[in-house]
PDB file of N, CA and C in Angstrom:
ATOM      1  N   MET A   1      -3.885 -14.035 -24.901  1.00  0.00           N
ATOM      2  CA  MET A   1      -3.023 -12.904 -25.166  1.00  0.00           C
ATOM      3  C   MET A   1      -1.821 -13.469 -25.116  1.00  0.00           C
ATOM      4  N   GLU A   2      -1.059 -13.046 -25.820  1.00  0.00           N
ATOM      5  CA  GLU A   2       0.517 -13.874 -25.894  1.00  0.00           C
ATOM      6  C   GLU A   2       1.264 -13.487 -25.098  1.00  0.00           C
ATOM      7  N   ALA A   3       2.165 -14.482 -24.309  1.00  0.00           N
ATOM      8  CA  ALA A   3       3.438 -14.023 -23.406  1.00  0.00           C
ATOM      9  C   ALA A   3       4.504 -13.272 -24.099  1.00  0.00           C
ATOM     10  N   VAL A   4       4.627 -12.317 -23.467  1.00  0.00           N
ATOM     11  CA  VAL A   4       5.892 -11.438 -24.362  1.00  0.00           C
ATOM     12  C   VAL A   4       7.278 -12.195 -23.992  1.00  0.00           C
ATOM     13  N   LYS A   5       7.433 -12.672 -22.238  1.00  0.00           N
ATOM     14  CA  LYS A   5       8.137 -13.191 -21.760  1.00  0.00           C
ATOM     15  C   LYS A   5       8.215 -14.668 -21.386  1.00  0.00           C
ATOM     16  N   SER A   6       8.885 -16.138 -21.011  1.00  0.00           N
ATOM     17  CA  SER A   6       8.909 -16.727 -20.682  1.00  0.00           C
ATOM     18  C   SER A   6       9.988 -17.542 -20.376  1.00  0.00           C
ATOM     19  N   TYR A   7      10.200 -17.926 -18.855  1.00  0.00           N
ATOM     20  CA  TYR A   7      11.281 -18.358 -18.248  1.00  0.00           C
ATOM     21  C   TYR A   7      10.799 -19.139 -17.030  1.00  0.00           C
ATOM     22  N   ASN A   8      11.801 -20.047 -16.802  1.00  0.00           N
ATOM     23  CA  ASN A   8      11.660 -20.815 -15.235  1.00  0.00           C
ATOM     24  C   ASN A   8      12.663 -20.135 -13.750  1.00  0.00           C
ATOM     25  N   VAL A   9      11.561 -20.084 -12.874  1.00  0.00           N
ATOM     26  CA  VAL A   9      12.220 -19.283 -11.736  1.00  0.00           C
ATOM     27  C   VAL A   9      12.636 -20.380 -10.805  1.00  0.00           C
ATOM     28  N   HIS A  10      13.059 -20.342  -9.709  1.00  0.00           N
ATOM     29  CA  HIS A  10      13.158 -21.130  -8.379  1.00  0.00           C
ATOM     30  C   HIS A  10      13.668 -20.335  -7.225  1.00  0.00           C
ATOM     31  N   LEU A  11      12.817 -20.971  -6.174  1.00  0.00           N
ATOM     32  CA  LEU A  11      12.596 -20.367  -5.161  1.00  0.00           C
ATOM     33  C   LEU A  11      13.822 -19.725  -4.187  1.00  0.00           C
ATOM     34  N   ASP A  12      14.410 -19.116  -3.920  1.00  0.00           N
ATOM     35  CA  ASP A  12      16.122 -18.930  -2.817  1.00  0.00           C
ATOM     36  C   ASP A  12      15.595 -19.823  -1.715  1.00  0.00           C
ATOM     37  N   SER A  13      16.690 -19.487  -0.610  1.00  0.00           N
ATOM     38  CA  SER A  13      16.530 -20.123   0.749  1.00  0.00           C
ATOM     39  C   SER A  13      15.628 -19.326   1.244  1.00  0.00           C
ATOM     40  N   LYS A  14      15.374 -18.088   0.993  1.00  0.00           N
ATOM     41  CA  LYS A  14      14.149 -17.125   2.015  1.00  0.00           C
ATOM     42  C   LYS A  14      12.846 -17.195   1.125  1.00  0.00           C
ATOM     43  N   LYS A  15      12.424 -17.835   0.244  1.00  0.00           N
ATOM     44  CA  LYS A  15      11.347 -18.874  -0.335  1.00  0.00           C
ATOM     45  C   LYS A  15      11.038 -17.049  -1.232  1.00  0.00           C
ATOM     46  N   ARG A  16      11.752 -16.884  -2.060  1.00  0.00           N
ATOM     47  CA  ARG A  16      11.842 -15.399  -3.160  1.00  0.00           C
ATOM     48  C   ARG A  16      12.071 -16.158  -4.253  1.00  0.00           C
ATOM     49  N   ILE A  17      11.535 -15.332  -5.383  1.00  0.00           N
ATOM     50  CA  ILE A  17      12.214 -15.551  -6.932  1.00  0.00           C
ATOM     51  C   ILE A  17      12.046 -14.151  -7.444  1.00  0.00           C
ATOM     52  N   THR A  18      12.697 -14.052  -8.054  1.00  0.00           N
ATOM     53  CA  THR A  18      13.445 -13.228  -8.610  1.00  0.00           C
ATOM     54  C   THR A  18      12.885 -12.640 -10.155  1.00  0.00           C
ATOM     55  N   LEU A  19      12.269 -11.882 -10.172  1.00  0.00           N
ATOM     56  CA  LEU A  19      11.877 -11.201 -11.732  1.00  0.00           C
ATOM     57  C   LEU A  19      13.128 -10.495 -12.777  1.00  0.00           C
ATOM     58  N   ARG A  20      13.244 -11.256 -13.757  1.00  0.00           N
ATOM     59  CA  ARG A  20      14.201 -10.504 -14.765  1.00  0.00           C
ATOM     60  C   ARG A  20      13.643  -9.735 -15.682  1.00  0.00           C
ATOM     61  N   GLY A  21      14.435  -8.207 -15.335  1.00  0.00           N
ATOM     62  CA  GLY A  21      14.340  -7.368 -16.209  1.00  0.00           C
ATOM     63  C   GLY A  21      12.690  -6.551 -15.942  1.00  0.00           C
ATOM     64  N   ALA A  22      12.328  -6.286 -14.805  1.00  0.00           N
ATOM     65  CA  ALA A  22      10.986  -6.603 -13.875  1.00  0.00           C
ATOM     66  C   ALA A  22      11.118  -4.767 -14.395  1.00  0.00           C
ATOM     67  N   ILE A  23       9.899  -4.388 -15.002  1.00  0.00           N
ATOM     68  CA  ILE A  23       9.349  -2.681 -14.996  1.00  0.00           C
ATOM     69  C   ILE A  23       9.178  -2.187 -14.056  1.00  0.00           C
ATOM     70  N   TYR A  24       8.371  -2.610 -13.668  1.00  0.00           N
ATOM     71  CA  TYR A  24       8.085  -1.746 -11.983  1.00  0.00           C
ATOM     72  C   TYR A  24       8.480  -2.097 -10.404  1.00  0.00           C
ATOM     73  N   GLN A  25       8.186  -1.624  -9.725  1.00  0.00           N
ATOM     74  CA  GLN A  25       9.404  -1.823  -8.487  1.00  0.00           C
ATOM     75  C   GLN A  25       8.160  -2.700  -7.654  1.00  0.00           C
ATOM     76  N   TYR A  26       6.841  -2.366  -7.738  1.00  0.00           N
ATOM     77  CA  TYR A  26       5.954  -2.986  -6.687  1.00  0.00           C
ATOM     78  C   TYR A  26       4.616  -3.386  -7.610  1.00  0.00           C
ATOM     79  N   TYR A  27       4.359  -5.038  -7.313  1.00  0.00           N
ATOM     80  CA  TYR A  27       2.985  -5.554  -7.841  1.00  0.00           C
ATOM     81  C   TYR A  27       2.401  -6.128  -6.938  1.00  0.00           C
ATOM     82  N   ASN A  28       1.462  -5.811  -7.078  1.00  0.00           N
ATOM     83  CA  ASN A  28      -0.242  -6.536  -6.626  1.00  0.00           C
ATOM     84  C   ASN A  28       0.193  -8.135  -6.707  1.00  0.00           C
ATOM     85  N   VAL A  29      -0.063  -9.113  -5.396  1.00  0.00           N
ATOM     86  CA  VAL A  29       0.529 -10.770  -6.063  1.00  0.00           C
ATOM     87  C   VAL A  29      -0.958 -11.228  -5.475  1.00  0.00           C
ATOM     88  N   LYS A  30      -1.510 -12.159  -6.629  1.00  0.00           N
ATOM     89  CA  LYS A  30      -2.506 -13.079  -6.401  1.00  0.00           C
ATOM     90  C   LYS A  30      -2.193 -14.550  -6.207  1.00  0.00           C
ATOM     91  N   GLU A  31      -2.013 -15.211  -5.395  1.00  0.00           N
ATOM     92  CA  GLU A  31      -2.320 -16.762  -5.874  1.00  0.00           C
ATOM     93  C   GLU A  31      -3.861 -17.386  -5.788  1.00  0.00           C
ATOM     94  N   TYR A  32      -3.865 -18.160  -6.613  1.00  0.00           N
ATOM     95  CA  TYR A  32      -5.272 -19.000  -6.793  1.00  0.00           C
ATOM     96  C   TYR A  32      -5.057 -20.552  -5.949  1.00  0.00           C
ATOM     97  N   GLU A  33      -6.061 -21.591  -6.137  1.00  0.00           N
ATOM     98  CA  GLU A  33      -5.956 -22.403  -5.226  1.00  0.00           C
ATOM     99  C   GLU A  33      -5.015 -23.560  -6.665  1.00  0.00           C
ATOM    100  N   ASN A  34      -5.502 -23.047  -7.608  1.00  0.00           N
ATOM    101  CA  ASN A  34      -5.135 -24.244  -8.724  1.00  0.00           C
ATOM    102  C   ASN A  34      -3.384 -23.754  -9.256  1.00  0.00           C
ATOM    103  N   GLY A  35      -2.798 -22.786  -8.590  1.00  0.00           N
ATOM    104  CA  GLY A  35      -1.219 -23.262  -8.109  1.00  0.00           C
ATOM    105  C   GLY A  35      -0.694 -21.915  -8.904  1.00  0.00           C
ATOM    106  N   CYS A  36      -1.987 -21.048  -9.483  1.00  0.00           N
ATOM    107  CA  CYS A  36      -1.648 -20.006 -10.845  1.00  0.00           C
ATOM    108  C   CYS A  36      -0.966 -18.841  -9.674  1.00  0.00           C
ATOM    109  N   ILE A  37      -0.440 -18.012 -10.201  1.00  0.00           N
ATOM    110  CA  ILE A  37      -0.237 -16.635  -9.746  1.00  0.00           C
ATOM    111  C   ILE A  37       0.065 -15.380 -10.431  1.00  0.00           C
ATOM    112  N   MET A  38      -0.863 -14.400  -9.895  1.00  0.00           N
ATOM    113  CA  MET A  38      -1.113 -13.228 -10.855  1.00  0.00           C
ATOM    114  C   MET A  38      -0.112 -12.635 -10.579  1.00  0.00           C
ATOM    115  N   LEU A  39       0.647 -11.614 -11.100  1.00  0.00           N
ATOM    116  CA  LEU A  39       1.504 -10.268 -10.358  1.00  0.00           C
ATOM    117  C   LEU A  39       0.842  -8.783 -11.298  1.00  0.00           C
ATOM    118  N   GLU A  40       0.150  -8.034 -10.655  1.00  0.00           N
ATOM    119  CA  GLU A  40      -0.356  -6.686 -11.311  1.00  0.00           C
ATOM    120  C   GLU A  40       0.849  -5.590 -11.049  1.00  0.00           C
ATOM    121  N   PRO A  41       1.468  -4.941 -11.646  1.00  0.00           N
ATOM    122  CA  PRO A  41       2.037  -3.460 -11.643  1.00  0.00           C
ATOM    123  C   PRO A  41       1.210  -2.770 -10.485  1.00  0.00           C
ATOM    124  N   ARG A  42       2.535  -1.880  -9.834  1.00  0.00           N
ATOM    125  CA  ARG A  42       1.563  -1.046  -8.961  1.00  0.00           C
ATOM    126  C   ARG A  42       2.281   0.666  -9.232  1.00  0.00           C
ATOM    127  N   GLU A  43       1.780   1.264  -9.350  1.00  0.00           N
ATOM    128  CA  GLU A  43       2.682   2.547  -9.305  1.00  0.00           C
ATOM    129  C   GLU A  43       2.170   3.444  -7.860  1.00  0.00           C
ATOM    130  N   LEU A  44       3.459   3.297  -7.086  1.00  0.00           N
ATOM    131  CA  LEU A  44       2.615   4.680  -5.850  1.00  0.00           C
ATOM    132  C   LEU A  44       3.163   5.794  -6.438  1.00  0.00           C
ATOM    133  N   THR A  45       1.518   6.545  -6.039  1.00  0.00           N
ATOM    134  CA  THR A  45       1.577   8.026  -6.933  1.00  0.00           C
ATOM    135  C   THR A  45       1.003   9.015  -5.541  1.00  0.00           C
ATOM    136  N   VAL A  46       1.443  10.251  -5.781  1.00  0.00           N
ATOM    137  CA  VAL A  46       0.815  11.033  -4.649  1.00  0.00           C
ATOM    138  C   VAL A  46      -0.603  11.242  -5.006  1.00  0.00           C
ATOM    139  N   PRO A  47      -1.738  11.552  -4.236  1.00  0.00           N
ATOM    140  CA  PRO A  47      -2.992  11.836  -4.955  1.00  0.00           C
ATOM    141  C   PRO A  47      -2.561  13.139  -4.935  1.00  0.00           C
ATOM    142  N   GLU A  48      -4.110  13.332  -6.182  1.00  0.00           N
ATOM    143  CA  GLU A  48      -3.938  14.993  -6.778  1.00  0.00           C
ATOM    144  C   GLU A  48      -5.157  15.717  -5.596  1.00  0.00           C
ATOM    145  N   THR A  49      -5.867  15.176  -4.994  1.00  0.00           N
ATOM    146  CA  THR A  49      -6.979  15.718  -4.180  1.00  0.00           C
ATOM    147  C   THR A  49      -6.932  14.977  -2.793  1.00  0.00           C
ATOM    148  N   ILE A  50      -7.227  15.478  -1.695  1.00  0.00           N
ATOM    149  CA  ILE A  50      -7.716  15.419  -0.761  1.00  0.00           C
ATOM    150  C   ILE A  50      -9.029  14.735  -0.367  1.00  0.00           C
ATOM    151  N   SER A  51      -9.736  13.536  -0.187  1.00  0.00           N
ATOM    152  CA  SER A  51     -11.020  13.242  -0.272  1.00  0.00           C
ATOM    153  C   SER A  51     -11.997  13.513   0.319  1.00  0.00           C
ATOM    154  N   VAL A  52     -12.908  13.227   0.061  1.00  0.00           N
ATOM    155  CA  VAL A  52     -14.369  13.987   0.924  1.00  0.00           C
ATOM    156  C   VAL A  52     -14.288  13.402   2.147  1.00  0.00           C
ATOM    157  N   GLN A  53     -14.194  12.133   2.599  1.00  0.00           N
ATOM    158  CA  GLN A  53     -14.077  11.699   3.760  1.00  0.00           C
ATOM    159  C   GLN A  53     -12.938  12.288   4.818  1.00  0.00           C
ATOM    160  N   THR A  54     -11.493  12.400   4.158  1.00  0.00           N
ATOM    161  CA  THR A  54     -10.693  12.948   4.888  1.00  0.00           C
ATOM    162  C   THR A  54     -10.773  14.284   5.747  1.00  0.00           C
ATOM    163  N   LEU A  55     -11.450  15.132   4.287  1.00  0.00           N
ATOM    164  CA  LEU A  55     -12.251  16.282   5.047  1.00  0.00           C
ATOM    165  C   LEU A  55     -12.852  16.612   5.538  1.00  0.00           C
ATOM    166  N   GLU A  56     -14.381  15.638   5.689  1.00  0.00           N
ATOM    167  CA  GLU A  56     -15.314  15.437   6.492  1.00  0.00           C
ATOM    168  C   GLU A  56     -14.662  15.197   8.193  1.00  0.00           C
ATOM    169  N   ASP A  57     -13.700  14.205   7.766  1.00  0.00           N
ATOM    170  CA  ASP A  57     -13.222  13.817   9.423  1.00  0.00           C
ATOM    171  C   ASP A  57     -12.200  15.189   9.451  1.00  0.00           C
ATOM    172  N   MET A  58     -11.099  15.780   8.821  1.00  0.00           N
ATOM    173  CA  MET A  58     -10.759  16.753   9.428  1.00  0.00           C
ATOM    174  C   MET A  58     -11.548  17.990   9.913  1.00  0.00           C
ATOM    175  N   ASP A  59     -12.766  18.215   9.314  1.00  0.00           N
ATOM    176  CA  ASP A  59     -13.869  19.267   9.856  1.00  0.00           C
ATOM    177  C   ASP A  59     -14.448  19.005  11.641  1.00  0.00           C
ATOM    178  N   ASN A  60     -14.188  17.378  11.605  1.00  0.00           N
ATOM    179  CA  ASN A  60     -14.840  16.721  12.901  1.00  0.00           C
ATOM    180  C   ASN A  60     -13.911  17.058  14.114  1.00  0.00           C
ATOM    181  N   ALA A  61     -12.791  16.873  13.294  1.00  0.00           N
ATOM    182  CA  ALA A  61     -11.877  17.200  14.883  1.00  0.00           C
ATOM    183  C   ALA A  61     -11.389  18.295  14.725  1.00  0.00           C
ATOM    184  N   ILE A  62     -11.937  19.131  13.885  1.00  0.00           N
ATOM    185  CA  ILE A  62     -11.483  20.715  14.952  1.00  0.00           C
ATOM    186  C   ILE A  62     -12.835  21.108  15.542  1.00  0.00           C
ATOM    187  N   ARG A  63     -13.919  20.836  15.034  1.00  0.00           N
ATOM    188  CA  ARG A  63     -15.017  20.868  15.776  1.00  0.00           C
ATOM    189  C   ARG A  63     -15.072  20.419  17.530  1.00  0.00           C
ATOM    190  N   ASN A  64     -14.500  18.988  17.371  1.00  0.00           N
ATOM    191  CA  ASN A  64     -14.152  18.636  18.473  1.00  0.00           C
ATOM    192  C   ASN A  64     -13.512  19.021  19.785  1.00  0.00           C
ATOM    193  N   PHE A  65     -12.612  19.868  19.036  1.00  0.00           N
ATOM    194  CA  PHE A  65     -11.434  20.476  19.437  1.00  0.00           C
ATOM    195  C   PHE A  65     -11.765  21.791  19.948  1.00  0.00           C
ATOM    196  N   LYS A  66     -12.686  22.530  19.005  1.00  0.00           N
ATOM    197  CA  LYS A  66     -13.419  23.807  19.713  1.00  0.00           C
ATOM    198  C   LYS A  66     -14.518  23.908  20.732  1.00  0.00           C
ATOM    199  N   SER A  67     -14.793  22.978  20.725  1.00  0.00           N
ATOM    200  CA  SER A  67     -16.147  22.150  21.844  1.00  0.00           C
ATOM    201  C   SER A  67     -15.926  21.382  22.964  1.00  0.00           C
ATOM    202  N   GLY A  68     -13.992  21.614  23.275  1.00  0.00           N
ATOM    203  CA  GLY A  68     -13.591  20.835  24.222  1.00  0.00           C
ATOM    204  C   GLY A  68     -13.464  19.293  24.378  1.00  0.00           C
ATOM    205  N   LYS A  69     -13.694  18.748  23.619  1.00  0.00           N
ATOM    206  CA  LYS A  69     -13.722  16.987  23.209  1.00  0.00           C
ATOM    207  C   LYS A  69     -12.560  17.176  22.908  1.00  0.00           C
ATOM    208  N   VAL A  70     -11.640  16.820  23.765  1.00  0.00           N
ATOM    209  CA  VAL A  70     -10.148  16.574  23.513  1.00  0.00           C
ATOM    210  C   VAL A  70      -9.604  15.690  24.413  1.00  0.00           C
ATOM    211  N   SER A  71      -8.569  14.811  24.404  1.00  0.00           N
ATOM    212  CA  SER A  71      -7.559  13.699  25.542  1.00  0.00           C
ATOM    213  C   SER A  71      -7.268  14.549  26.272  1.00  0.00           C
ATOM    214  N   ASP A  72      -6.631  13.762  27.404  1.00  0.00           N
ATOM    215  CA  ASP A  72      -5.543  14.441  27.796  1.00  0.00           C
ATOM    216  C   ASP A  72      -4.055  14.760  27.278  1.00  0.00           C
ATOM    217  N   PRO A  73      -3.729  16.021  27.661  1.00  0.00           N
ATOM    218  CA  PRO A  73      -2.084  16.184  27.271  1.00  0.00           C
ATOM    219  C   PRO A  73      -1.255  15.320  27.130  1.00  0.00           C
ATOM    220  N   ILE A  74      -0.489  15.112  26.234  1.00  0.00           N
ATOM    221  CA  ILE A  74       0.756  13.551  26.195  1.00  0.00           C
ATOM    222  C   ILE A  74       1.855  14.803  26.945  1.00  0.00           C
ATOM    223  N   ASP A  75       2.428  13.573  27.309  1.00  0.00           N
ATOM    224  CA  ASP A  75       3.667  14.333  28.031  1.00  0.00           C
ATOM    225  C   ASP A  75       4.903  13.636  27.012  1.00  0.00           C
ATOM    226  N   LEU A  76       5.536  14.600  26.322  1.00  0.00           N
ATOM    227  CA  LEU A  76       6.631  14.304  25.030  1.00  0.00           C
ATOM    228  C   LEU A  76       8.280  14.871  25.953  1.00  0.00           C
ATOM    229  N   SER A  77       8.285  14.928  26.983  1.00  0.00           N
ATOM    230  CA  SER A  77       9.506  15.463  27.887  1.00  0.00           C
ATOM    231  C   SER A  77      10.373  14.104  27.271  1.00  0.00           C
ATOM    232  N   ASP A  78      10.134  12.996  27.261  1.00  0.00           N
ATOM    233  CA  ASP A  78      11.245  11.877  27.229  1.00  0.00           C
ATOM    234  C   ASP A  78      11.822  11.687  25.820  1.00  0.00           C
ATOM    235  N   PHE A  79      11.295  12.166  25.087  1.00  0.00           N
ATOM    236  CA  PHE A  79      11.478  12.684  23.192  1.00  0.00           C
ATOM    237  C   PHE A  79      12.536  13.602  23.446  1.00  0.00           C
TER     238      PHE A  79
END
């Protein structure tokens, strides 16, 4: 794969680097023992559906609530 951009960067006083003209706001960073650093763009998106595991957890929580398996009431009067 051929590089689209190539430039040198340096760490600032807080050990940060700046990416010029970055397309994405979030990146996943992988550092390797040989000194290579790989940045993979990440886009935060809203999931289209609720996962099966989440639905099962919700069903289990309602089942526990209906059977009386609940914690003690929490005092929220301070808020």
